[in-house]
Amino acid sequence: MVTYILYALSTFTGFTGIVAIIINYIKREDTAGTIYASHFTWQIRTFWWSLVWAVLGFATMIVGVGFLILAIDGIWVLYRIVKGFLNWNDGKPMSV
């Protein structure tokens, strides 16, 4: 659950997302065989895909579409954080 909070805070700080991804990779093996393994996979994919889209968004700001890409990326990340947090809270695995 801490990692979901760190990812949520990363929208304001950025740094907490890096802390969260480090935790994901360090603790990933400990979650093997549990419902939480799917959450770690979900979070790791969210981090890397969001980073790809953010880089693309910043790179295309000069032509005007970057802001749209960044907005869509932000909404997508928010959706994944909320969905993941709710499933974690309900004790449900993520469908990854």
PDB file of N, CA and C in Angstrom:
ATOM      1  N   MET A   1       0.823  -1.187   0.000  1.00  0.00           N
ATOM      2  CA  MET A   1       0.000   0.000   0.000  1.00  0.00           C
ATOM      3  C   MET A   1       0.871   1.258   0.000  1.00  0.00           C
ATOM      4  N   VAL A   2       2.007   1.200   0.664  1.00  0.00           N
ATOM      5  CA  VAL A   2       2.907   2.351   0.723  1.00  0.00           C
ATOM      6  C   VAL A   2       3.317   2.784  -0.679  1.00  0.00           C
ATOM      7  N   THR A   3       3.548   1.825  -1.548  1.00  0.00           N
ATOM      8  CA  THR A   3       3.995   2.183  -2.895  1.00  0.00           C
ATOM      9  C   THR A   3       2.908   2.922  -3.668  1.00  0.00           C
ATOM     10  N   TYR A   4       1.639   2.567  -3.468  1.00  0.00           N
ATOM     11  CA  TYR A   4       0.565   3.316  -4.128  1.00  0.00           C
ATOM     12  C   TYR A   4       0.551   4.763  -3.638  1.00  0.00           C
ATOM     13  N   ILE A   5       0.764   4.961  -2.358  1.00  0.00           N
ATOM     14  CA  ILE A   5       0.804   6.315  -1.806  1.00  0.00           C
ATOM     15  C   ILE A   5       1.992   7.081  -2.382  1.00  0.00           C
ATOM     16  N   LEU A   6       3.138   6.413  -2.466  1.00  0.00           N
ATOM     17  CA  LEU A   6       4.321   7.065  -3.039  1.00  0.00           C
ATOM     18  C   LEU A   6       4.092   7.447  -4.497  1.00  0.00           C
ATOM     19  N   TYR A   7       3.446   6.558  -5.260  1.00  0.00           N
ATOM     20  CA  TYR A   7       3.154   6.885  -6.659  1.00  0.00           C
ATOM     21  C   TYR A   7       2.182   8.056  -6.750  1.00  0.00           C
ATOM     22  N   ALA A   8       1.185   8.085  -5.879  1.00  0.00           N
ATOM     23  CA  ALA A   8       0.239   9.201  -5.887  1.00  0.00           C
ATOM     24  C   ALA A   8       0.953  10.514  -5.568  1.00  0.00           C
ATOM     25  N   LEU A   9       1.844  10.483  -4.598  1.00  0.00           N
ATOM     26  CA  LEU A   9       2.600  11.684  -4.238  1.00  0.00           C
ATOM     27  C   LEU A   9       3.563  12.110  -5.339  1.00  0.00           C
ATOM     28  N   SER A  10       3.960  11.181  -6.183  1.00  0.00           N
ATOM     29  CA  SER A  10       4.928  11.510  -7.235  1.00  0.00           C
ATOM     30  C   SER A  10       4.366  12.487  -8.256  1.00  0.00           C
ATOM     31  N   THR A  11       3.056  12.620  -8.328  1.00  0.00           N
ATOM     32  CA  THR A  11       2.483  13.611  -9.234  1.00  0.00           C
ATOM     33  C   THR A  11       2.841  15.023  -8.783  1.00  0.00           C
ATOM     34  N   PHE A  12       3.159  15.181  -7.506  1.00  0.00           N
ATOM     35  CA  PHE A  12       3.540  16.489  -6.977  1.00  0.00           C
ATOM     36  C   PHE A  12       5.050  16.636  -6.796  1.00  0.00           C
ATOM     37  N   THR A  13       5.727  15.525  -6.503  1.00  0.00           N
ATOM     38  CA  THR A  13       7.146  15.612  -6.176  1.00  0.00           C
ATOM     39  C   THR A  13       8.048  14.966  -7.221  1.00  0.00           C
ATOM     40  N   GLY A  14       7.582  13.913  -7.867  1.00  0.00           N
ATOM     41  CA  GLY A  14       8.410  13.180  -8.823  1.00  0.00           C
ATOM     42  C   GLY A  14       9.354  12.208  -8.141  1.00  0.00           C
ATOM     43  N   PHE A  15      10.003  12.650  -7.087  1.00  0.00           N
ATOM     44  CA  PHE A  15      10.995  11.831  -6.396  1.00  0.00           C
ATOM     45  C   PHE A  15      10.382  10.586  -5.766  1.00  0.00           C
ATOM     46  N   THR A  16       9.184  10.696  -5.229  1.00  0.00           N
ATOM     47  CA  THR A  16       8.589   9.542  -4.548  1.00  0.00           C
ATOM     48  C   THR A  16       8.286   8.405  -5.515  1.00  0.00           C
ATOM     49  N   GLY A  17       8.091   8.714  -6.776  1.00  0.00           N
ATOM     50  CA  GLY A  17       7.903   7.664  -7.776  1.00  0.00           C
ATOM     51  C   GLY A  17       9.157   6.826  -7.946  1.00  0.00           C
ATOM     52  N   ILE A  18      10.303   7.470  -7.865  1.00  0.00           N
ATOM     53  CA  ILE A  18      11.574   6.746  -7.961  1.00  0.00           C
ATOM     54  C   ILE A  18      11.758   5.853  -6.741  1.00  0.00           C
ATOM     55  N   VAL A  19      11.403   6.369  -5.563  1.00  0.00           N
ATOM     56  CA  VAL A  19      11.472   5.561  -4.341  1.00  0.00           C
ATOM     57  C   VAL A  19      10.547   4.355  -4.469  1.00  0.00           C
ATOM     58  N   ALA A  20       9.339   4.575  -4.985  1.00  0.00           N
ATOM     59  CA  ALA A  20       8.363   3.489  -5.132  1.00  0.00           C
ATOM     60  C   ALA A  20       8.858   2.408  -6.090  1.00  0.00           C
ATOM     61  N   ILE A  21       9.437   2.796  -7.221  1.00  0.00           N
ATOM     62  CA  ILE A  21       9.902   1.787  -8.179  1.00  0.00           C
ATOM     63  C   ILE A  21      11.072   0.999  -7.602  1.00  0.00           C
ATOM     64  N   ILE A  22      11.911   1.640  -6.820  1.00  0.00           N
ATOM     65  CA  ILE A  22      13.004   0.925  -6.157  1.00  0.00           C
ATOM     66  C   ILE A  22      12.435  -0.096  -5.177  1.00  0.00           C
ATOM     67  N   ILE A  23      11.446   0.315  -4.392  1.00  0.00           N
ATOM     68  CA  ILE A  23      10.794  -0.617  -3.458  1.00  0.00           C
ATOM     69  C   ILE A  23      10.176  -1.778  -4.225  1.00  0.00           C
ATOM     70  N   ASN A  24       9.494  -1.471  -5.345  1.00  0.00           N
ATOM     71  CA  ASN A  24       8.881  -2.528  -6.156  1.00  0.00           C
ATOM     72  C   ASN A  24       9.897  -3.577  -6.568  1.00  0.00           C
ATOM     73  N   TYR A  25      11.033  -3.135  -7.060  1.00  0.00           N
ATOM     74  CA  TYR A  25      12.034  -4.096  -7.524  1.00  0.00           C
ATOM     75  C   TYR A  25      12.713  -4.834  -6.371  1.00  0.00           C
ATOM     76  N   ILE A  26      12.947  -4.164  -5.267  1.00  0.00           N
ATOM     77  CA  ILE A  26      13.590  -4.816  -4.124  1.00  0.00           C
ATOM     78  C   ILE A  26      12.670  -5.856  -3.491  1.00  0.00           C
ATOM     79  N   LYS A  27      11.395  -5.530  -3.356  1.00  0.00           N
ATOM     80  CA  LYS A  27      10.447  -6.400  -2.651  1.00  0.00           C
ATOM     81  C   LYS A  27       9.659  -7.329  -3.574  1.00  0.00           C
ATOM     82  N   ARG A  28       9.860  -7.222  -4.865  1.00  0.00           N
ATOM     83  CA  ARG A  28       9.075  -8.004  -5.822  1.00  0.00           C
ATOM     84  C   ARG A  28       9.157  -9.504  -5.558  1.00  0.00           C
ATOM     85  N   GLU A  29      10.335 -10.000  -5.296  1.00  0.00           N
ATOM     86  CA  GLU A  29      10.519 -11.432  -5.056  1.00  0.00           C
ATOM     87  C   GLU A  29       9.773 -11.894  -3.799  1.00  0.00           C
ATOM     88  N   ASP A  30       9.675 -11.027  -2.801  1.00  0.00           N
ATOM     89  CA  ASP A  30       8.970 -11.370  -1.561  1.00  0.00           C
ATOM     90  C   ASP A  30       7.472 -11.561  -1.778  1.00  0.00           C
ATOM     91  N   THR A  31       6.931 -10.978  -2.848  1.00  0.00           N
ATOM     92  CA  THR A  31       5.494 -11.074  -3.097  1.00  0.00           C
ATOM     93  C   THR A  31       5.127 -12.223  -4.034  1.00  0.00           C
ATOM     94  N   ALA A  32       6.121 -12.938  -4.529  1.00  0.00           N
ATOM     95  CA  ALA A  32       5.862 -14.036  -5.478  1.00  0.00           C
ATOM     96  C   ALA A  32       4.873 -15.029  -4.879  1.00  0.00           C
ATOM     97  N   GLY A  33       3.884 -15.390  -5.682  1.00  0.00           N
ATOM     98  CA  GLY A  33       2.894 -16.364  -5.250  1.00  0.00           C
ATOM     99  C   GLY A  33       1.756 -15.780  -4.432  1.00  0.00           C
ATOM    100  N   THR A  34       1.746 -14.462  -4.255  1.00  0.00           N
ATOM    101  CA  THR A  34       0.657 -13.812  -3.521  1.00  0.00           C
ATOM    102  C   THR A  34      -0.106 -12.893  -4.468  1.00  0.00           C
ATOM    103  N   ILE A  35      -1.237 -12.401  -3.999  1.00  0.00           N
ATOM    104  CA  ILE A  35      -1.995 -11.462  -4.833  1.00  0.00           C
ATOM    105  C   ILE A  35      -1.229 -10.157  -5.023  1.00  0.00           C
ATOM    106  N   TYR A  36      -0.301  -9.891  -4.131  1.00  0.00           N
ATOM    107  CA  TYR A  36       0.433  -8.632  -4.202  1.00  0.00           C
ATOM    108  C   TYR A  36       1.480  -8.618  -5.312  1.00  0.00           C
ATOM    109  N   ALA A  37       1.857  -9.772  -5.798  1.00  0.00           N
ATOM    110  CA  ALA A  37       2.787  -9.832  -6.929  1.00  0.00           C
ATOM    111  C   ALA A  37       2.179  -9.135  -8.142  1.00  0.00           C
ATOM    112  N   SER A  38       0.884  -9.335  -8.349  1.00  0.00           N
ATOM    113  CA  SER A  38       0.222  -8.686  -9.482  1.00  0.00           C
ATOM    114  C   SER A  38       0.190  -7.167  -9.299  1.00  0.00           C
ATOM    115  N   HIS A  39       0.088  -6.712  -8.067  1.00  0.00           N
ATOM    116  CA  HIS A  39       0.109  -5.273  -7.804  1.00  0.00           C
ATOM    117  C   HIS A  39       1.482  -4.682  -8.119  1.00  0.00           C
ATOM    118  N   PHE A  40       2.531  -5.406  -7.763  1.00  0.00           N
ATOM    119  CA  PHE A  40       3.871  -4.911  -8.055  1.00  0.00           C
ATOM    120  C   PHE A  40       4.102  -4.850  -9.565  1.00  0.00           C
ATOM    121  N   THR A  41       3.648  -5.872 -10.284  1.00  0.00           N
ATOM    122  CA  THR A  41       3.754  -5.858 -11.744  1.00  0.00           C
ATOM    123  C   THR A  41       2.971  -4.682 -12.312  1.00  0.00           C
ATOM    124  N   TRP A  42       1.772  -4.458 -11.807  1.00  0.00           N
ATOM    125  CA  TRP A  42       0.906  -3.344 -12.216  1.00  0.00           C
ATOM    126  C   TRP A  42       1.621  -2.005 -11.999  1.00  0.00           C
ATOM    127  N   GLN A  43       2.227  -1.844 -10.838  1.00  0.00           N
ATOM    128  CA  GLN A  43       2.906  -0.595 -10.511  1.00  0.00           C
ATOM    129  C   GLN A  43       4.157  -0.390 -11.361  1.00  0.00           C
ATOM    130  N   ILE A  44       4.901  -1.444 -11.563  1.00  0.00           N
ATOM    131  CA  ILE A  44       6.114  -1.339 -12.378  1.00  0.00           C
ATOM    132  C   ILE A  44       5.757  -0.964 -13.811  1.00  0.00           C
ATOM    133  N   ARG A  45       4.748  -1.594 -14.370  1.00  0.00           N
ATOM    134  CA  ARG A  45       4.318  -1.258 -15.741  1.00  0.00           C
ATOM    135  C   ARG A  45       3.801   0.172 -15.808  1.00  0.00           C
ATOM    136  N   THR A  46       3.049   0.573 -14.797  1.00  0.00           N
ATOM    137  CA  THR A  46       2.543   1.944 -14.760  1.00  0.00           C
ATOM    138  C   THR A  46       3.696   2.938 -14.764  1.00  0.00           C
ATOM    139  N   PHE A  47       4.701   2.694 -13.946  1.00  0.00           N
ATOM    140  CA  PHE A  47       5.852   3.597 -13.864  1.00  0.00           C
ATOM    141  C   PHE A  47       6.547   3.732 -15.212  1.00  0.00           C
ATOM    142  N   TRP A  48       6.920   2.600 -15.813  1.00  0.00           N
ATOM    143  CA  TRP A  48       7.714   2.658 -17.041  1.00  0.00           C
ATOM    144  C   TRP A  48       6.921   3.205 -18.217  1.00  0.00           C
ATOM    145  N   TRP A  49       5.651   2.798 -18.372  1.00  0.00           N
ATOM    146  CA  TRP A  49       4.859   3.333 -19.477  1.00  0.00           C
ATOM    147  C   TRP A  49       4.581   4.820 -19.281  1.00  0.00           C
ATOM    148  N   SER A  50       4.343   5.213 -18.047  1.00  0.00           N
ATOM    149  CA  SER A  50       4.132   6.633 -17.780  1.00  0.00           C
ATOM    150  C   SER A  50       5.383   7.440 -18.104  1.00  0.00           C
ATOM    151  N   LEU A  51       6.541   6.904 -17.779  1.00  0.00           N
ATOM    152  CA  LEU A  51       7.796   7.584 -18.087  1.00  0.00           C
ATOM    153  C   LEU A  51       7.988   7.729 -19.597  1.00  0.00           C
ATOM    154  N   VAL A  52       7.684   6.669 -20.339  1.00  0.00           N
ATOM    155  CA  VAL A  52       7.791   6.725 -21.801  1.00  0.00           C
ATOM    156  C   VAL A  52       6.888   7.821 -22.355  1.00  0.00           C
ATOM    157  N   TRP A  53       5.628   7.854 -21.908  1.00  0.00           N
ATOM    158  CA  TRP A  53       4.687   8.851 -22.406  1.00  0.00           C
ATOM    159  C   TRP A  53       5.055  10.259 -21.956  1.00  0.00           C
ATOM    160  N   ALA A  54       5.607  10.393 -20.756  1.00  0.00           N
ATOM    161  CA  ALA A  54       6.037  11.713 -20.283  1.00  0.00           C
ATOM    162  C   ALA A  54       7.197  12.241 -21.126  1.00  0.00           C
ATOM    163  N   VAL A  55       8.158  11.387 -21.425  1.00  0.00           N
ATOM    164  CA  VAL A  55       9.285  11.799 -22.271  1.00  0.00           C
ATOM    165  C   VAL A  55       8.773  12.201 -23.652  1.00  0.00           C
ATOM    166  N   LEU A  56       7.876  11.399 -24.211  1.00  0.00           N
ATOM    167  CA  LEU A  56       7.289  11.728 -25.509  1.00  0.00           C
ATOM    168  C   LEU A  56       6.520  13.048 -25.436  1.00  0.00           C
ATOM    169  N   GLY A  57       5.770  13.233 -24.356  1.00  0.00           N
ATOM    170  CA  GLY A  57       5.017  14.472 -24.183  1.00  0.00           C
ATOM    171  C   GLY A  57       5.920  15.690 -24.117  1.00  0.00           C
ATOM    172  N   PHE A  58       6.974  15.604 -23.316  1.00  0.00           N
ATOM    173  CA  PHE A  58       7.907  16.731 -23.215  1.00  0.00           C
ATOM    174  C   PHE A  58       8.625  16.974 -24.544  1.00  0.00           C
ATOM    175  N   ALA A  59       8.950  15.901 -25.250  1.00  0.00           N
ATOM    176  CA  ALA A  59       9.656  16.035 -26.525  1.00  0.00           C
ATOM    177  C   ALA A  59       8.789  16.675 -27.602  1.00  0.00           C
ATOM    178  N   THR A  60       7.483  16.509 -27.505  1.00  0.00           N
ATOM    179  CA  THR A  60       6.590  17.043 -28.538  1.00  0.00           C
ATOM    180  C   THR A  60       5.891  18.338 -28.119  1.00  0.00           C
ATOM    181  N   MET A  61       6.303  18.911 -27.016  1.00  0.00           N
ATOM    182  CA  MET A  61       5.699  20.184 -26.598  1.00  0.00           C
ATOM    183  C   MET A  61       5.935  21.286 -27.621  1.00  0.00           C
ATOM    184  N   ILE A  62       7.059  21.228 -28.282  1.00  0.00           N
ATOM    185  CA  ILE A  62       7.410  22.269 -29.248  1.00  0.00           C
ATOM    186  C   ILE A  62       6.420  22.324 -30.413  1.00  0.00           C
ATOM    187  N   VAL A  63       5.819  21.180 -30.745  1.00  0.00           N
ATOM    188  CA  VAL A  63       4.843  21.164 -31.838  1.00  0.00           C
ATOM    189  C   VAL A  63       3.414  21.253 -31.325  1.00  0.00           C
ATOM    190  N   GLY A  64       3.254  21.367 -30.023  1.00  0.00           N
ATOM    191  CA  GLY A  64       1.937  21.627 -29.457  1.00  0.00           C
ATOM    192  C   GLY A  64       1.150  20.441 -28.953  1.00  0.00           C
ATOM    193  N   VAL A  65       1.533  19.233 -29.306  1.00  0.00           N
ATOM    194  CA  VAL A  65       0.747  18.078 -28.861  1.00  0.00           C
ATOM    195  C   VAL A  65       1.236  17.517 -27.529  1.00  0.00           C
ATOM    196  N   GLY A  66       2.373  18.005 -27.072  1.00  0.00           N
ATOM    197  CA  GLY A  66       2.962  17.493 -25.838  1.00  0.00           C
ATOM    198  C   GLY A  66       2.066  17.661 -24.634  1.00  0.00           C
ATOM    199  N   PHE A  67       1.394  18.800 -24.558  1.00  0.00           N
ATOM    200  CA  PHE A  67       0.509  19.036 -23.417  1.00  0.00           C
ATOM    201  C   PHE A  67      -0.635  18.034 -23.382  1.00  0.00           C
ATOM    202  N   LEU A  68      -1.163  17.703 -24.546  1.00  0.00           N
ATOM    203  CA  LEU A  68      -2.236  16.711 -24.619  1.00  0.00           C
ATOM    204  C   LEU A  68      -1.730  15.337 -24.191  1.00  0.00           C
ATOM    205  N   ILE A  69      -0.565  14.958 -24.661  1.00  0.00           N
ATOM    206  CA  ILE A  69       0.025  13.666 -24.284  1.00  0.00           C
ATOM    207  C   ILE A  69       0.258  13.614 -22.780  1.00  0.00           C
ATOM    208  N   LEU A  70       0.791  14.696 -22.211  1.00  0.00           N
ATOM    209  CA  LEU A  70       1.040  14.732 -20.769  1.00  0.00           C
ATOM    210  C   LEU A  70      -0.261  14.675 -19.970  1.00  0.00           C
ATOM    211  N   ALA A  71      -1.303  15.339 -20.459  1.00  0.00           N
ATOM    212  CA  ALA A  71      -2.592  15.310 -19.767  1.00  0.00           C
ATOM    213  C   ALA A  71      -3.183  13.905 -19.780  1.00  0.00           C
ATOM    214  N   ILE A  72      -3.142  13.260 -20.930  1.00  0.00           N
ATOM    215  CA  ILE A  72      -3.661  11.895 -21.035  1.00  0.00           C
ATOM    216  C   ILE A  72      -2.845  10.951 -20.164  1.00  0.00           C
ATOM    217  N   ASP A  73      -1.539  11.123 -20.167  1.00  0.00           N
ATOM    218  CA  ASP A  73      -0.663  10.308 -19.324  1.00  0.00           C
ATOM    219  C   ASP A  73      -1.021  10.495 -17.851  1.00  0.00           C
ATOM    220  N   GLY A  74      -1.222  11.719 -17.431  1.00  0.00           N
ATOM    221  CA  GLY A  74      -1.580  11.997 -16.039  1.00  0.00           C
ATOM    222  C   GLY A  74      -2.893  11.359 -15.635  1.00  0.00           C
ATOM    223  N   ILE A  75      -3.884  11.434 -16.515  1.00  0.00           N
ATOM    224  CA  ILE A  75      -5.186  10.816 -16.241  1.00  0.00           C
ATOM    225  C   ILE A  75      -5.045   9.303 -16.170  1.00  0.00           C
ATOM    226  N   TRP A  76      -4.282   8.731 -17.081  1.00  0.00           N
ATOM    227  CA  TRP A  76      -4.068   7.280 -17.103  1.00  0.00           C
ATOM    228  C   TRP A  76      -3.378   6.810 -15.831  1.00  0.00           C
ATOM    229  N   VAL A  77      -2.357   7.544 -15.385  1.00  0.00           N
ATOM    230  CA  VAL A  77      -1.646   7.179 -14.152  1.00  0.00           C
ATOM    231  C   VAL A  77      -2.586   7.281 -12.958  1.00  0.00           C
ATOM    232  N   LEU A  78      -3.358   8.344 -12.891  1.00  0.00           N
ATOM    233  CA  LEU A  78      -4.317   8.503 -11.794  1.00  0.00           C
ATOM    234  C   LEU A  78      -5.300   7.337 -11.761  1.00  0.00           C
ATOM    235  N   TYR A  79      -5.813   6.956 -12.920  1.00  0.00           N
ATOM    236  CA  TYR A  79      -6.724   5.811 -13.011  1.00  0.00           C
ATOM    237  C   TYR A  79      -6.060   4.547 -12.477  1.00  0.00           C
ATOM    238  N   ARG A  80      -4.827   4.291 -12.886  1.00  0.00           N
ATOM    239  CA  ARG A  80      -4.132   3.068 -12.465  1.00  0.00           C
ATOM    240  C   ARG A  80      -3.808   3.081 -10.974  1.00  0.00           C
ATOM    241  N   ILE A  81      -3.484   4.233 -10.437  1.00  0.00           N
ATOM    242  CA  ILE A  81      -3.221   4.319  -8.999  1.00  0.00           C
ATOM    243  C   ILE A  81      -4.500   4.056  -8.212  1.00  0.00           C
ATOM    244  N   VAL A  82      -5.586   4.688  -8.612  1.00  0.00           N
ATOM    245  CA  VAL A  82      -6.860   4.516  -7.900  1.00  0.00           C
ATOM    246  C   VAL A  82      -7.353   3.082  -8.019  1.00  0.00           C
ATOM    247  N   LYS A  83      -7.342   2.532  -9.234  1.00  0.00           N
ATOM    248  CA  LYS A  83      -7.803   1.151  -9.420  1.00  0.00           C
ATOM    249  C   LYS A  83      -6.946   0.176  -8.612  1.00  0.00           C
ATOM    250  N   GLY A  84      -5.648   0.345  -8.662  1.00  0.00           N
ATOM    251  CA  GLY A  84      -4.752  -0.526  -7.910  1.00  0.00           C
ATOM    252  C   GLY A  84      -4.962  -0.410  -6.415  1.00  0.00           C
ATOM    253  N   PHE A  85      -5.082   0.816  -5.928  1.00  0.00           N
ATOM    254  CA  PHE A  85      -5.290   1.035  -4.498  1.00  0.00           C
ATOM    255  C   PHE A  85      -6.590   0.388  -4.032  1.00  0.00           C
ATOM    256  N   LEU A  86      -7.660   0.558  -4.804  1.00  0.00           N
ATOM    257  CA  LEU A  86      -8.948  -0.032  -4.425  1.00  0.00           C
ATOM    258  C   LEU A  86      -8.877  -1.556  -4.405  1.00  0.00           C
ATOM    259  N   ASN A  87      -8.241  -2.144  -5.402  1.00  0.00           N
ATOM    260  CA  ASN A  87      -8.095  -3.606  -5.418  1.00  0.00           C
ATOM    261  C   ASN A  87      -7.225  -4.080  -4.263  1.00  0.00           C
ATOM    262  N   TRP A  88      -6.143  -3.363  -3.974  1.00  0.00           N
ATOM    263  CA  TRP A  88      -5.262  -3.710  -2.847  1.00  0.00           C
ATOM    264  C   TRP A  88      -6.071  -3.668  -1.554  1.00  0.00           C
ATOM    265  N   ASN A  89      -6.851  -2.611  -1.392  1.00  0.00           N
ATOM    266  CA  ASN A  89      -7.659  -2.433  -0.187  1.00  0.00           C
ATOM    267  C   ASN A  89      -8.700  -3.541  -0.033  1.00  0.00           C
ATOM    268  N   ASP A  90      -9.217  -4.040  -1.153  1.00  0.00           N
ATOM    269  CA  ASP A  90     -10.212  -5.120  -1.128  1.00  0.00           C
ATOM    270  C   ASP A  90      -9.576  -6.500  -1.120  1.00  0.00           C
ATOM    271  N   GLY A  91      -8.257  -6.570  -1.163  1.00  0.00           N
ATOM    272  CA  GLY A  91      -7.561  -7.856  -1.164  1.00  0.00           C
ATOM    273  C   GLY A  91      -7.670  -8.604  -2.478  1.00  0.00           C
ATOM    274  N   LYS A  92      -7.856  -7.861  -3.572  1.00  0.00           N
ATOM    275  CA  LYS A  92      -7.997  -8.468  -4.898  1.00  0.00           C
ATOM    276  C   LYS A  92      -6.710  -8.294  -5.698  1.00  0.00           C
ATOM    277  N   PRO A  93      -6.360  -9.290  -6.505  1.00  0.00           N
ATOM    278  CA  PRO A  93      -5.189  -9.132  -7.379  1.00  0.00           C
ATOM    279  C   PRO A  93      -5.526  -8.234  -8.563  1.00  0.00           C
ATOM    280  N   MET A  94      -4.499  -7.750  -9.229  1.00  0.00           N
ATOM    281  CA  MET A  94      -4.689  -6.963 -10.443  1.00  0.00           C
ATOM    282  C   MET A  94      -4.688  -7.913 -11.636  1.00  0.00           C
ATOM    283  N   SER A  95      -5.448  -7.559 -12.648  1.00  0.00           N
ATOM    284  CA  SER A  95      -5.420  -8.357 -13.880  1.00  0.00           C
ATOM    285  C   SER A  95      -4.345  -7.756 -14.774  1.00  0.00           C
ATOM    286  N   VAL A  96      -3.189  -8.400 -14.773  1.00  0.00           N
ATOM    287  CA  VAL A  96      -2.056  -7.857 -15.542  1.00  0.00           C
ATOM    288  C   VAL A  96      -1.763  -8.694 -16.754  1.00  0.00           C
TER     289      VAL A  96
END
